[in-house]
């Protein structure tokens, strides 16, 4: 089992999440558990987030989103207290 490495999310396109680690970009998917951690959030990650990923060959899996220091939020649109982190 490979170890977790820390990086910064730099791009989100459809279901591809690009994380920069030491000047190298790794295309990642998200661990499904991330979608259930914060039920108010529409998406569990935003560009600029610090994350921990497990690299598997040329790709990776985002295993953990580290605490944010700040965020730009907007209402999630479902009217149930849901928010969307835009950056």
C-alpha atoms as a PDB file:
ATOM      1  CA  UNK A   1       0.000   0.000   0.000  1.00  0.00           C
ATOM      2  CA  UNK A   2       1.427   3.398  -0.972  1.00  0.00           C
ATOM      3  CA  UNK A   3       1.647   6.273   1.488  1.00  0.00           C
ATOM      4  CA  UNK A   4      -0.385   9.473   1.428  1.00  0.00           C
ATOM      5  CA  UNK A   5       1.270  12.576  -0.011  1.00  0.00           C
ATOM      6  CA  UNK A   6       0.126  16.168   0.422  1.00  0.00           C
ATOM      7  CA  UNK A   7      -0.605  18.479  -2.485  1.00  0.00           C
ATOM      8  CA  UNK A   8      -2.843  21.319  -3.654  1.00  0.00           C
ATOM      9  CA  UNK A   9      -5.900  20.914  -5.874  1.00  0.00           C
ATOM     10  CA  UNK A  10      -5.273  23.092  -8.942  1.00  0.00           C
ATOM     11  CA  UNK A  11      -7.991  22.070 -11.428  1.00  0.00           C
ATOM     12  CA  UNK A  12     -11.413  20.404 -11.496  1.00  0.00           C
ATOM     13  CA  UNK A  13     -12.852  19.106 -14.787  1.00  0.00           C
ATOM     14  CA  UNK A  14     -15.931  16.872 -14.758  1.00  0.00           C
ATOM     15  CA  UNK A  15     -14.745  13.943 -12.594  1.00  0.00           C
ATOM     16  CA  UNK A  16     -11.009  14.624 -12.957  1.00  0.00           C
ATOM     17  CA  UNK A  17      -9.235  16.446 -10.151  1.00  0.00           C
ATOM     18  CA  UNK A  18      -5.693  17.705 -10.779  1.00  0.00           C
ATOM     19  CA  UNK A  19      -3.418  17.881  -7.740  1.00  0.00           C
ATOM     20  CA  UNK A  20       0.018  19.510  -7.792  1.00  0.00           C
ATOM     21  CA  UNK A  21       2.685  17.723  -5.768  1.00  0.00           C
ATOM     22  CA  UNK A  22       6.236  19.074  -5.784  1.00  0.00           C
ATOM     23  CA  UNK A  23       5.757  20.771  -9.181  1.00  0.00           C
ATOM     24  CA  UNK A  24       4.186  17.651 -10.763  1.00  0.00           C
ATOM     25  CA  UNK A  25       0.495  17.381 -11.649  1.00  0.00           C
ATOM     26  CA  UNK A  26      -1.371  14.160 -10.867  1.00  0.00           C
ATOM     27  CA  UNK A  27      -4.887  13.466 -12.173  1.00  0.00           C
ATOM     28  CA  UNK A  28      -7.015  12.048  -9.373  1.00  0.00           C
ATOM     29  CA  UNK A  29     -10.436  10.708  -8.563  1.00  0.00           C
ATOM     30  CA  UNK A  30     -12.175  11.300  -5.234  1.00  0.00           C
ATOM     31  CA  UNK A  31     -12.642   8.656  -2.594  1.00  0.00           C
ATOM     32  CA  UNK A  32     -16.453   8.165  -2.414  1.00  0.00           C
ATOM     33  CA  UNK A  33     -16.448   8.633   1.382  1.00  0.00           C
ATOM     34  CA  UNK A  34     -15.553  12.325   0.878  1.00  0.00           C
ATOM     35  CA  UNK A  35     -19.079  12.988  -0.418  1.00  0.00           C
ATOM     36  CA  UNK A  36     -20.661  11.886   2.882  1.00  0.00           C
ATOM     37  CA  UNK A  37     -18.358  13.731   5.313  1.00  0.00           C
ATOM     38  CA  UNK A  38     -20.120  17.118   5.011  1.00  0.00           C
ATOM     39  CA  UNK A  39     -23.724  16.682   3.916  1.00  0.00           C
ATOM     40  CA  UNK A  40     -24.213  20.470   3.592  1.00  0.00           C
ATOM     41  CA  UNK A  41     -21.500  20.786   0.942  1.00  0.00           C
ATOM     42  CA  UNK A  42     -22.450  20.258  -2.691  1.00  0.00           C
ATOM     43  CA  UNK A  43     -18.901  19.194  -3.563  1.00  0.00           C
ATOM     44  CA  UNK A  44     -16.290  18.090  -1.044  1.00  0.00           C
ATOM     45  CA  UNK A  45     -13.343  19.884  -2.715  1.00  0.00           C
ATOM     46  CA  UNK A  46     -12.535  23.216  -4.342  1.00  0.00           C
ATOM     47  CA  UNK A  47      -9.581  24.591  -6.265  1.00  0.00           C
ATOM     48  CA  UNK A  48      -6.941  25.666  -3.773  1.00  0.00           C
ATOM     49  CA  UNK A  49      -7.720  22.956  -1.207  1.00  0.00           C
ATOM     50  CA  UNK A  50      -4.814  21.155   0.389  1.00  0.00           C
ATOM     51  CA  UNK A  51      -5.403  17.425   0.062  1.00  0.00           C
ATOM     52  CA  UNK A  52      -3.735  14.102   0.791  1.00  0.00           C
ATOM     53  CA  UNK A  53      -3.676  11.632  -2.073  1.00  0.00           C
ATOM     54  CA  UNK A  54      -2.594   8.063  -2.648  1.00  0.00           C
ATOM     55  CA  UNK A  55      -0.671   7.810  -5.934  1.00  0.00           C
ATOM     56  CA  UNK A  56      -1.410   4.654  -7.918  1.00  0.00           C
ATOM     57  CA  UNK A  57       0.806   4.571 -11.010  1.00  0.00           C
ATOM     58  CA  UNK A  58       0.175   7.692 -13.096  1.00  0.00           C
ATOM     59  CA  UNK A  59      -3.083   8.546 -11.292  1.00  0.00           C
ATOM     60  CA  UNK A  60      -4.115   9.193  -7.721  1.00  0.00           C
ATOM     61  CA  UNK A  61      -7.052   9.087  -5.329  1.00  0.00           C
ATOM     62  CA  UNK A  62      -7.899  12.021  -3.064  1.00  0.00           C
ATOM     63  CA  UNK A  63      -8.212  10.373   0.345  1.00  0.00           C
ATOM     64  CA  UNK A  64      -8.503  13.429   2.598  1.00  0.00           C
ATOM     65  CA  UNK A  65      -9.238  17.155   2.370  1.00  0.00           C
ATOM     66  CA  UNK A  66      -7.222  19.128   4.904  1.00  0.00           C
ATOM     67  CA  UNK A  67      -8.920  21.916   6.897  1.00  0.00           C
ATOM     68  CA  UNK A  68      -9.443  25.142   4.964  1.00  0.00           C
ATOM     69  CA  UNK A  69      -8.038  28.411   6.264  1.00  0.00           C
ATOM     70  CA  UNK A  70     -10.608  30.422   4.282  1.00  0.00           C
ATOM     71  CA  UNK A  71     -13.225  29.851   1.595  1.00  0.00           C
ATOM     72  CA  UNK A  72     -15.477  31.633  -0.856  1.00  0.00           C
ATOM     73  CA  UNK A  73     -18.994  30.204  -0.366  1.00  0.00           C
ATOM     74  CA  UNK A  74     -22.337  30.511  -2.105  1.00  0.00           C
ATOM     75  CA  UNK A  75     -25.740  28.937  -1.442  1.00  0.00           C
ATOM     76  CA  UNK A  76     -26.006  25.391  -2.782  1.00  0.00           C
ATOM     77  CA  UNK A  77     -29.355  25.968  -4.477  1.00  0.00           C
ATOM     78  CA  UNK A  78     -31.491  23.341  -2.773  1.00  0.00           C
ATOM     79  CA  UNK A  79     -32.628  25.649   0.014  1.00  0.00           C
ATOM     80  CA  UNK A  80     -31.716  23.216   2.805  1.00  0.00           C
ATOM     81  CA  UNK A  81     -28.729  25.049   4.249  1.00  0.00           C
ATOM     82  CA  UNK A  82     -26.472  23.512   1.599  1.00  0.00           C
ATOM     83  CA  UNK A  83     -23.422  25.528   0.572  1.00  0.00           C
ATOM     84  CA  UNK A  84     -20.999  25.311  -2.329  1.00  0.00           C
ATOM     85  CA  UNK A  85     -17.339  26.170  -1.873  1.00  0.00           C
ATOM     86  CA  UNK A  86     -16.233  27.940  -5.037  1.00  0.00           C
ATOM     87  CA  UNK A  87     -12.620  28.580  -4.047  1.00  0.00           C
END
